[in-house]
Amino acid sequence: MKADLDIQAVSRNGISHLGRCYFSPPFKVMNITEDKTQAQLHLMLMSSSPGILDGDEYNLKISVEENASLQLFTQSYQRLFNMKQGAIQKTDIHLADNAAFCFLPHPAVPQKQSNFTSINKIYLSNNNSLIFGEILTCGRKLNGEIFRFSKYHSLTEIYLNNKLVVKENLLIEPSTININAIGQLEGHTHQGSLIVINNDLDLNAMNDFITHHLSQQKDIEFGVSALSIKGLIVRIMGQKAEQLHDCLKYIASYISSYKILANAI
């Protein structure tokens, strides 16, 4: 199935609203903003499909206009079903000047013989705030499908004024690599990453907070690195999807309260 999504957040009188909104099946979009007077727009991305199927091709376009702020939620875990040819999802995100965007989707669950490629391209302008996360599981662990998928490839490129500044390339093909080897997952079954970009970011303070919080968690390994621009990338490995997702959401919430994203989350 081929499907398209095109949504736009605009700002009027300091409050973000849904502007352009187009989607084709299986996508649906719902405005879940509880306080209509708050600055940030909350949208839920939903799907009538049980997951991503063989041959699916999804094209998503998200635009956040000048001074607007958008947080996009997902409805449930992204299930990747058994495939022969594979499936692909392309996401283009455009942030105008002073725009803010936050997206922490539910973890991806690749089932046996799934083959999935995700290409994310994010275009920043001036004075943007970005929080962008991703979590990959080993598959349906209780069904014995631990790393039984064929391929999972996630490529994220971030451009600042059309110059490539961040490139995150995750490729796992269990049949061709030793998942538990040094430099790979080393016995962990889940991994997550979080990219934070903001000109107001206090890198040292944020690094200290993230390190302190994650060091209190059980059965995870993590690292925090500064980007070439004003931002951080956090990488976590563990055994439970919900735990990693909660960690990313907690960090994102703290960033908001730390005046990194105005009125976010």
C-alpha atoms as a PDB file:
ATOM      1  CA  MET A   1       0.000   0.000   0.000  1.00  0.00           C
ATOM      2  CA  LYS A   2       1.194   3.513  -0.818  1.00  0.00           C
ATOM      3  CA  ALA A   3       0.143   6.208   1.636  1.00  0.00           C
ATOM      4  CA  ASP A   4       0.854   9.921   2.088  1.00  0.00           C
ATOM      5  CA  LEU A   5       0.694  12.313   4.988  1.00  0.00           C
ATOM      6  CA  ASP A   6       1.140  16.089   4.846  1.00  0.00           C
ATOM      7  CA  ILE A   7       0.575  18.191   7.958  1.00  0.00           C
ATOM      8  CA  GLN A   8       1.447  21.761   8.815  1.00  0.00           C
ATOM      9  CA  ALA A   9       1.587  23.634  12.124  1.00  0.00           C
ATOM     10  CA  VAL A  10       1.122  27.410  12.025  1.00  0.00           C
ATOM     11  CA  SER A  11       1.257  30.078  14.720  1.00  0.00           C
ATOM     12  CA  ARG A  12      -1.445  32.708  15.265  1.00  0.00           C
ATOM     13  CA  ASN A  13      -1.252  35.123  18.186  1.00  0.00           C
ATOM     14  CA  GLY A  14       1.319  32.961  19.939  1.00  0.00           C
ATOM     15  CA  ILE A  15      -0.750  29.761  19.735  1.00  0.00           C
ATOM     16  CA  SER A  16       0.025  26.905  17.341  1.00  0.00           C
ATOM     17  CA  HIS A  17      -2.775  25.536  15.171  1.00  0.00           C
ATOM     18  CA  LEU A  18      -3.186  22.830  12.563  1.00  0.00           C
ATOM     19  CA  GLY A  19      -2.938  24.363   9.122  1.00  0.00           C
ATOM     20  CA  ARG A  20      -2.680  22.117   6.095  1.00  0.00           C
ATOM     21  CA  CYS A  21      -3.679  18.524   6.797  1.00  0.00           C
ATOM     22  CA  TYR A  22      -3.865  15.772   4.198  1.00  0.00           C
ATOM     23  CA  PHE A  23      -3.620  12.036   4.678  1.00  0.00           C
ATOM     24  CA  SER A  24      -4.540   8.897   2.789  1.00  0.00           C
ATOM     25  CA  PRO A  25      -5.407   5.473   4.244  1.00  0.00           C
ATOM     26  CA  PRO A  26      -4.299   3.980   6.550  1.00  0.00           C
ATOM     27  CA  PHE A  27      -3.239   7.284   8.176  1.00  0.00           C
ATOM     28  CA  LYS A  28      -5.402   9.432  10.400  1.00  0.00           C
ATOM     29  CA  VAL A  29      -4.518  12.591  12.336  1.00  0.00           C
ATOM     30  CA  MET A  30      -6.215  13.776  15.525  1.00  0.00           C
ATOM     31  CA  ASN A  31      -5.732  17.024  17.393  1.00  0.00           C
ATOM     32  CA  ILE A  32      -5.297  15.955  21.045  1.00  0.00           C
ATOM     33  CA  THR A  33      -4.327  19.360  22.447  1.00  0.00           C
ATOM     34  CA  GLU A  34      -6.119  19.525  25.797  1.00  0.00           C
ATOM     35  CA  ASP A  35      -5.487  23.196  26.561  1.00  0.00           C
ATOM     36  CA  LYS A  36      -6.327  25.157  23.428  1.00  0.00           C
ATOM     37  CA  THR A  37      -4.679  28.251  24.911  1.00  0.00           C
ATOM     38  CA  GLN A  38      -1.237  26.649  25.216  1.00  0.00           C
ATOM     39  CA  ALA A  39       1.465  27.553  22.722  1.00  0.00           C
ATOM     40  CA  GLN A  40       2.178  24.032  21.499  1.00  0.00           C
ATOM     41  CA  LEU A  41       0.017  21.926  19.200  1.00  0.00           C
ATOM     42  CA  HIS A  42      -0.358  18.223  20.051  1.00  0.00           C
ATOM     43  CA  LEU A  43      -1.239  15.843  17.223  1.00  0.00           C
ATOM     44  CA  MET A  44      -1.744  12.074  17.289  1.00  0.00           C
ATOM     45  CA  LEU A  45      -0.641  10.094  14.246  1.00  0.00           C
ATOM     46  CA  MET A  46      -2.881   7.032  13.937  1.00  0.00           C
ATOM     47  CA  SER A  47      -3.178   4.143  11.493  1.00  0.00           C
ATOM     48  CA  SER A  48      -6.017   1.780  10.665  1.00  0.00           C
ATOM     49  CA  SER A  49      -3.457  -0.828   9.607  1.00  0.00           C
ATOM     50  CA  PRO A  50      -2.222  -3.376  12.186  1.00  0.00           C
ATOM     51  CA  GLY A  51       1.336  -2.465  11.189  1.00  0.00           C
ATOM     52  CA  ILE A  52       3.653  -2.053   8.228  1.00  0.00           C
ATOM     53  CA  LEU A  53       3.166  -4.793   5.640  1.00  0.00           C
ATOM     54  CA  ASP A  54       5.217  -6.135   2.746  1.00  0.00           C
ATOM     55  CA  GLY A  55       5.346  -3.631  -0.116  1.00  0.00           C
ATOM     56  CA  ASP A  56       4.130  -0.673   1.953  1.00  0.00           C
ATOM     57  CA  GLU A  57       5.511   2.710   0.950  1.00  0.00           C
ATOM     58  CA  TYR A  58       4.782   5.611   3.284  1.00  0.00           C
ATOM     59  CA  ASN A  59       5.634   9.245   2.544  1.00  0.00           C
ATOM     60  CA  LEU A  60       5.305  11.709   5.418  1.00  0.00           C
ATOM     61  CA  LYS A  61       5.791  15.469   5.236  1.00  0.00           C
ATOM     62  CA  ILE A  62       5.686  17.620   8.365  1.00  0.00           C
ATOM     63  CA  SER A  63       6.037  21.411   8.253  1.00  0.00           C
ATOM     64  CA  VAL A  64       6.308  23.641  11.306  1.00  0.00           C
ATOM     65  CA  GLU A  65       5.993  27.268  10.284  1.00  0.00           C
ATOM     66  CA  GLU A  66       7.646  30.307  11.846  1.00  0.00           C
ATOM     67  CA  ASN A  67       7.159  30.589  15.637  1.00  0.00           C
ATOM     68  CA  ALA A  68       4.982  27.441  15.711  1.00  0.00           C
ATOM     69  CA  SER A  69       5.514  24.491  18.064  1.00  0.00           C
ATOM     70  CA  LEU A  70       4.382  20.925  17.401  1.00  0.00           C
ATOM     71  CA  GLN A  71       4.610  17.680  19.331  1.00  0.00           C
ATOM     72  CA  LEU A  72       3.639  14.608  17.348  1.00  0.00           C
ATOM     73  CA  PHE A  73       2.534  11.430  19.134  1.00  0.00           C
ATOM     74  CA  THR A  74       2.048   7.885  17.876  1.00  0.00           C
ATOM     75  CA  GLN A  75      -0.802   5.628  18.910  1.00  0.00           C
ATOM     76  CA  SER A  76       1.021   2.352  19.555  1.00  0.00           C
ATOM     77  CA  TYR A  77       4.120   0.290  18.866  1.00  0.00           C
ATOM     78  CA  GLN A  78       5.083   0.137  15.186  1.00  0.00           C
ATOM     79  CA  ARG A  79       4.807  -3.509  14.134  1.00  0.00           C
ATOM     80  CA  LEU A  80       6.770  -4.647  11.092  1.00  0.00           C
ATOM     81  CA  PHE A  81       5.270  -7.826   9.674  1.00  0.00           C
ATOM     82  CA  ASN A  82       6.757 -10.747   7.722  1.00  0.00           C
ATOM     83  CA  MET A  83       7.995  -9.576   4.321  1.00  0.00           C
ATOM     84  CA  LYS A  84       9.470 -10.810   1.076  1.00  0.00           C
ATOM     85  CA  GLN A  85      10.214  -7.557  -0.755  1.00  0.00           C
ATOM     86  CA  GLY A  86      10.374  -5.090   2.112  1.00  0.00           C
ATOM     87  CA  ALA A  87       8.736  -1.807   3.073  1.00  0.00           C
ATOM     88  CA  ILE A  88       9.918   1.798   3.244  1.00  0.00           C
ATOM     89  CA  GLN A  89       8.926   4.959   5.074  1.00  0.00           C
ATOM     90  CA  LYS A  90      10.219   8.392   4.077  1.00  0.00           C
ATOM     91  CA  THR A  91       9.771  11.357   6.396  1.00  0.00           C
ATOM     92  CA  ASP A  92      10.601  14.965   5.522  1.00  0.00           C
ATOM     93  CA  ILE A  93      10.436  17.507   8.348  1.00  0.00           C
ATOM     94  CA  HIS A  94      10.791  21.248   7.696  1.00  0.00           C
ATOM     95  CA  LEU A  95      11.190  23.786  10.503  1.00  0.00           C
ATOM     96  CA  ALA A  96      10.940  27.490   9.721  1.00  0.00           C
ATOM     97  CA  ASP A  97      12.643  30.176  11.858  1.00  0.00           C
ATOM     98  CA  ASN A  98      11.926  29.914  15.606  1.00  0.00           C
ATOM     99  CA  ALA A  99       9.904  26.698  15.126  1.00  0.00           C
ATOM    100  CA  ALA A 100       9.922  23.783  17.596  1.00  0.00           C
ATOM    101  CA  PHE A 101       9.237  20.103  16.969  1.00  0.00           C
ATOM    102  CA  CYS A 102       9.194  17.064  19.243  1.00  0.00           C
ATOM    103  CA  PHE A 103       8.672  13.464  18.102  1.00  0.00           C
ATOM    104  CA  LEU A 104       9.218  10.400  20.297  1.00  0.00           C
ATOM    105  CA  PRO A 105       7.445   7.561  18.473  1.00  0.00           C
ATOM    106  CA  HIS A 106       6.655   4.241  20.111  1.00  0.00           C
ATOM    107  CA  PRO A 107       9.282   1.512  19.640  1.00  0.00           C
ATOM    108  CA  ALA A 108       9.494  -0.474  16.401  1.00  0.00           C
ATOM    109  CA  VAL A 109       8.860  -4.230  16.671  1.00  0.00           C
ATOM    110  CA  PRO A 110      10.299  -6.074  13.638  1.00  0.00           C
ATOM    111  CA  GLN A 111       8.790  -9.543  13.333  1.00  0.00           C
ATOM    112  CA  LYS A 112      10.351 -12.590  11.690  1.00  0.00           C
ATOM    113  CA  GLN A 113      11.692 -11.902   8.167  1.00  0.00           C
ATOM    114  CA  SER A 114      10.635  -8.260   8.169  1.00  0.00           C
ATOM    115  CA  ASN A 115      12.672  -5.909   5.975  1.00  0.00           C
ATOM    116  CA  PHE A 116      12.180  -2.229   6.702  1.00  0.00           C
ATOM    117  CA  THR A 117      13.903   1.002   5.699  1.00  0.00           C
ATOM    118  CA  SER A 118      13.187   4.367   7.309  1.00  0.00           C
ATOM    119  CA  ILE A 119      14.632   7.549   5.824  1.00  0.00           C
ATOM    120  CA  ASN A 120      14.247  10.727   7.886  1.00  0.00           C
ATOM    121  CA  LYS A 121      15.348  14.111   6.581  1.00  0.00           C
ATOM    122  CA  ILE A 122      15.028  17.098   8.882  1.00  0.00           C
ATOM    123  CA  TYR A 123      15.581  20.636   7.594  1.00  0.00           C
ATOM    124  CA  LEU A 124      16.323  23.285  10.220  1.00  0.00           C
ATOM    125  CA  SER A 125      16.363  27.059   9.833  1.00  0.00           C
ATOM    126  CA  ASN A 126      17.343  29.613  12.474  1.00  0.00           C
ATOM    127  CA  ASN A 127      16.767  29.233  16.214  1.00  0.00           C
ATOM    128  CA  ASN A 128      14.939  25.917  16.064  1.00  0.00           C
ATOM    129  CA  SER A 129      14.185  23.476  18.873  1.00  0.00           C
ATOM    130  CA  LEU A 130      14.246  19.783  17.970  1.00  0.00           C
ATOM    131  CA  ILE A 131      13.711  16.608  19.981  1.00  0.00           C
ATOM    132  CA  PHE A 132      13.739  13.458  17.867  1.00  0.00           C
ATOM    133  CA  GLY A 133      13.878   9.891  19.185  1.00  0.00           C
ATOM    134  CA  GLU A 134      13.855   6.303  18.004  1.00  0.00           C
ATOM    135  CA  ILE A 135      13.691   2.894  19.715  1.00  0.00           C
ATOM    136  CA  LEU A 136      14.283  -0.485  18.082  1.00  0.00           C
ATOM    137  CA  THR A 137      13.370  -3.774  19.747  1.00  0.00           C
ATOM    138  CA  CYS A 138      14.662  -7.254  18.956  1.00  0.00           C
ATOM    139  CA  GLY A 139      11.196  -8.365  17.829  1.00  0.00           C
ATOM    140  CA  ARG A 140       8.555 -10.423  19.617  1.00  0.00           C
ATOM    141  CA  LYS A 141      10.723 -11.746  22.416  1.00  0.00           C
ATOM    142  CA  LEU A 142       8.000 -13.869  24.036  1.00  0.00           C
ATOM    143  CA  ASN A 143       7.361 -15.551  20.652  1.00  0.00           C
ATOM    144  CA  GLY A 144      11.000 -16.529  20.347  1.00  0.00           C
ATOM    145  CA  GLU A 145      11.586 -14.035  17.536  1.00  0.00           C
ATOM    146  CA  ILE A 146      14.718 -12.454  18.950  1.00  0.00           C
ATOM    147  CA  PHE A 147      16.544 -10.802  16.041  1.00  0.00           C
ATOM    148  CA  ARG A 148      14.756 -12.963  13.500  1.00  0.00           C
ATOM    149  CA  PHE A 149      14.079 -10.030  11.171  1.00  0.00           C
ATOM    150  CA  SER A 150      15.915  -9.750   7.848  1.00  0.00           C
ATOM    151  CA  LYS A 151      16.927  -6.099   7.923  1.00  0.00           C
ATOM    152  CA  TYR A 152      16.217  -2.875   9.756  1.00  0.00           C
ATOM    153  CA  HIS A 153      17.733   0.295   8.324  1.00  0.00           C
ATOM    154  CA  SER A 154      17.075   3.746   9.748  1.00  0.00           C
ATOM    155  CA  LEU A 155      18.832   6.759   8.240  1.00  0.00           C
ATOM    156  CA  THR A 156      18.361  10.205   9.776  1.00  0.00           C
ATOM    157  CA  GLU A 157      19.921  13.299   8.208  1.00  0.00           C
ATOM    158  CA  ILE A 158      19.607  16.758   9.743  1.00  0.00           C
ATOM    159  CA  TYR A 159      20.338  19.866   7.685  1.00  0.00           C
ATOM    160  CA  LEU A 160      20.901  23.367   9.052  1.00  0.00           C
ATOM    161  CA  ASN A 161      20.252  25.977   6.378  1.00  0.00           C
ATOM    162  CA  ASN A 162      20.658  23.194   3.781  1.00  0.00           C
ATOM    163  CA  LYS A 163      24.017  22.034   5.182  1.00  0.00           C
ATOM    164  CA  LEU A 164      24.253  18.477   6.515  1.00  0.00           C
ATOM    165  CA  VAL A 165      25.168  18.683  10.219  1.00  0.00           C
ATOM    166  CA  VAL A 166      23.993  15.356  11.712  1.00  0.00           C
ATOM    167  CA  LYS A 167      23.806  11.897  10.179  1.00  0.00           C
ATOM    168  CA  GLU A 168      22.550   8.913  12.152  1.00  0.00           C
ATOM    169  CA  ASN A 169      22.774   5.594  10.297  1.00  0.00           C
ATOM    170  CA  LEU A 170      21.432   2.452  11.988  1.00  0.00           C
ATOM    171  CA  LEU A 171      21.658  -0.777   9.977  1.00  0.00           C
ATOM    172  CA  ILE A 172      21.077  -4.206  11.495  1.00  0.00           C
ATOM    173  CA  GLU A 173      21.065  -7.406   9.461  1.00  0.00           C
ATOM    174  CA  PRO A 174      21.129 -10.220  12.032  1.00  0.00           C
ATOM    175  CA  SER A 175      22.089 -12.862   9.453  1.00  0.00           C
ATOM    176  CA  THR A 176      25.286 -11.027   8.508  1.00  0.00           C
ATOM    177  CA  ILE A 177      26.568  -9.756  11.869  1.00  0.00           C
ATOM    178  CA  ASN A 178      27.064 -11.085  15.381  1.00  0.00           C
ATOM    179  CA  ILE A 179      24.531  -9.032  17.360  1.00  0.00           C
ATOM    180  CA  ASN A 180      26.268  -9.805  20.659  1.00  0.00           C
ATOM    181  CA  ALA A 181      29.773  -8.947  19.508  1.00  0.00           C
ATOM    182  CA  ILE A 182      31.838  -6.113  20.957  1.00  0.00           C
ATOM    183  CA  GLY A 183      30.794  -2.914  19.243  1.00  0.00           C
ATOM    184  CA  GLN A 184      27.319  -4.307  18.535  1.00  0.00           C
ATOM    185  CA  LEU A 185      24.574  -4.787  21.138  1.00  0.00           C
ATOM    186  CA  GLU A 186      26.734  -6.929  23.437  1.00  0.00           C
ATOM    187  CA  GLY A 187      23.875  -8.922  24.933  1.00  0.00           C
ATOM    188  CA  HIS A 188      21.252  -6.174  24.909  1.00  0.00           C
ATOM    189  CA  THR A 189      18.020  -6.622  22.971  1.00  0.00           C
ATOM    190  CA  HIS A 190      16.731  -3.032  22.711  1.00  0.00           C
ATOM    191  CA  GLN A 191      18.330   0.248  21.725  1.00  0.00           C
ATOM    192  CA  GLY A 192      17.201   3.835  21.625  1.00  0.00           C
ATOM    193  CA  SER A 193      18.553   7.175  20.512  1.00  0.00           C
ATOM    194  CA  LEU A 194      17.543  10.763  21.197  1.00  0.00           C
ATOM    195  CA  ILE A 195      18.706  13.842  19.297  1.00  0.00           C
ATOM    196  CA  VAL A 196      18.290  17.238  20.957  1.00  0.00           C
ATOM    197  CA  ILE A 197      19.137  20.479  19.165  1.00  0.00           C
ATOM    198  CA  ASN A 198      18.645  23.981  20.569  1.00  0.00           C
ATOM    199  CA  ASN A 199      20.740  27.136  20.600  1.00  0.00           C
ATOM    200  CA  ASP A 200      19.864  27.778  24.262  1.00  0.00           C
ATOM    201  CA  LEU A 201      21.088  24.368  25.369  1.00  0.00           C
ATOM    202  CA  ASP A 202      23.542  24.331  28.264  1.00  0.00           C
ATOM    203  CA  LEU A 203      25.516  21.291  27.114  1.00  0.00           C
ATOM    204  CA  ASN A 204      27.313  20.697  30.399  1.00  0.00           C
ATOM    205  CA  ALA A 205      24.217  21.002  32.568  1.00  0.00           C
ATOM    206  CA  MET A 206      22.146  18.846  30.249  1.00  0.00           C
ATOM    207  CA  ASN A 207      24.882  16.216  30.021  1.00  0.00           C
ATOM    208  CA  ASP A 208      25.108  16.073  33.816  1.00  0.00           C
ATOM    209  CA  PHE A 209      21.349  15.684  34.216  1.00  0.00           C
ATOM    210  CA  ILE A 210      21.026  12.952  31.574  1.00  0.00           C
ATOM    211  CA  THR A 211      24.012  11.060  32.932  1.00  0.00           C
ATOM    212  CA  HIS A 212      22.695  11.227  36.497  1.00  0.00           C
ATOM    213  CA  HIS A 213      19.199  10.111  35.542  1.00  0.00           C
ATOM    214  CA  LEU A 214      20.256   7.232  33.314  1.00  0.00           C
ATOM    215  CA  SER A 215      22.849   6.008  35.799  1.00  0.00           C
ATOM    216  CA  GLN A 216      19.967   5.365  38.227  1.00  0.00           C
ATOM    217  CA  GLN A 217      18.253   2.974  35.779  1.00  0.00           C
ATOM    218  CA  LYS A 218      18.769  -0.774  35.986  1.00  0.00           C
ATOM    219  CA  ASP A 219      20.108  -3.036  33.227  1.00  0.00           C
ATOM    220  CA  ILE A 220      20.964  -0.347  30.688  1.00  0.00           C
ATOM    221  CA  GLU A 221      24.109   1.054  29.108  1.00  0.00           C
ATOM    222  CA  PHE A 222      24.190   4.576  27.720  1.00  0.00           C
ATOM    223  CA  GLY A 223      26.316   7.324  26.277  1.00  0.00           C
ATOM    224  CA  VAL A 224      25.871  11.064  25.750  1.00  0.00           C
ATOM    225  CA  SER A 225      27.754  12.946  23.036  1.00  0.00           C
ATOM    226  CA  ALA A 226      27.833  16.553  21.883  1.00  0.00           C
ATOM    227  CA  LEU A 227      26.937  17.273  18.273  1.00  0.00           C
ATOM    228  CA  SER A 228      28.858  19.524  15.914  1.00  0.00           C
ATOM    229  CA  ILE A 229      26.107  22.104  16.430  1.00  0.00           C
ATOM    230  CA  LYS A 230      24.405  23.141  19.690  1.00  0.00           C
ATOM    231  CA  GLY A 231      22.924  19.818  20.688  1.00  0.00           C
ATOM    232  CA  LEU A 232      23.340  16.328  22.113  1.00  0.00           C
ATOM    233  CA  ILE A 233      22.729  12.754  21.079  1.00  0.00           C
ATOM    234  CA  VAL A 234      21.848  10.124  23.665  1.00  0.00           C
ATOM    235  CA  ARG A 235      22.171   6.410  22.971  1.00  0.00           C
ATOM    236  CA  ILE A 236      20.761   3.736  25.281  1.00  0.00           C
ATOM    237  CA  MET A 237      20.859  -0.070  25.195  1.00  0.00           C
ATOM    238  CA  GLY A 238      18.710  -2.267  27.417  1.00  0.00           C
ATOM    239  CA  GLN A 239      16.277  -5.165  27.671  1.00  0.00           C
ATOM    240  CA  LYS A 240      12.846  -3.487  27.802  1.00  0.00           C
ATOM    241  CA  ALA A 241      11.183  -1.205  25.262  1.00  0.00           C
ATOM    242  CA  GLU A 242       8.944   0.536  27.786  1.00  0.00           C
ATOM    243  CA  GLN A 243      11.879   1.368  30.030  1.00  0.00           C
ATOM    244  CA  LEU A 244      13.811   2.994  27.178  1.00  0.00           C
ATOM    245  CA  HIS A 245      10.742   4.872  25.974  1.00  0.00           C
ATOM    246  CA  ASP A 246      10.113   6.205  29.493  1.00  0.00           C
ATOM    247  CA  CYS A 247      13.743   7.343  29.727  1.00  0.00           C
ATOM    248  CA  LEU A 248      13.501   9.335  26.490  1.00  0.00           C
ATOM    249  CA  LYS A 249      10.191  10.902  27.505  1.00  0.00           C
ATOM    250  CA  TYR A 250      11.579  11.873  30.923  1.00  0.00           C
ATOM    251  CA  ILE A 251      14.596  13.554  29.350  1.00  0.00           C
ATOM    252  CA  ALA A 252      12.368  15.385  26.859  1.00  0.00           C
ATOM    253  CA  SER A 253      10.105  16.609  29.667  1.00  0.00           C
ATOM    254  CA  TYR A 254      13.076  17.907  31.617  1.00  0.00           C
ATOM    255  CA  ILE A 255      14.376  19.779  28.595  1.00  0.00           C
ATOM    256  CA  SER A 256      11.005  21.497  28.329  1.00  0.00           C
ATOM    257  CA  SER A 257      10.996  22.558  31.982  1.00  0.00           C
ATOM    258  CA  TYR A 258      14.581  23.731  31.550  1.00  0.00           C
ATOM    259  CA  LYS A 259      13.302  26.400  29.146  1.00  0.00           C
ATOM    260  CA  ILE A 260      14.732  24.609  26.147  1.00  0.00           C
ATOM    261  CA  LEU A 261      11.348  24.325  24.401  1.00  0.00           C
ATOM    262  CA  ALA A 262       8.845  27.015  25.252  1.00  0.00           C
ATOM    263  CA  ASN A 263       5.600  25.509  26.505  1.00  0.00           C
ATOM    264  CA  ALA A 264       6.589  22.079  25.139  1.00  0.00           C
ATOM    265  CA  ILE A 265       5.208  18.682  26.090  1.00  0.00           C
END
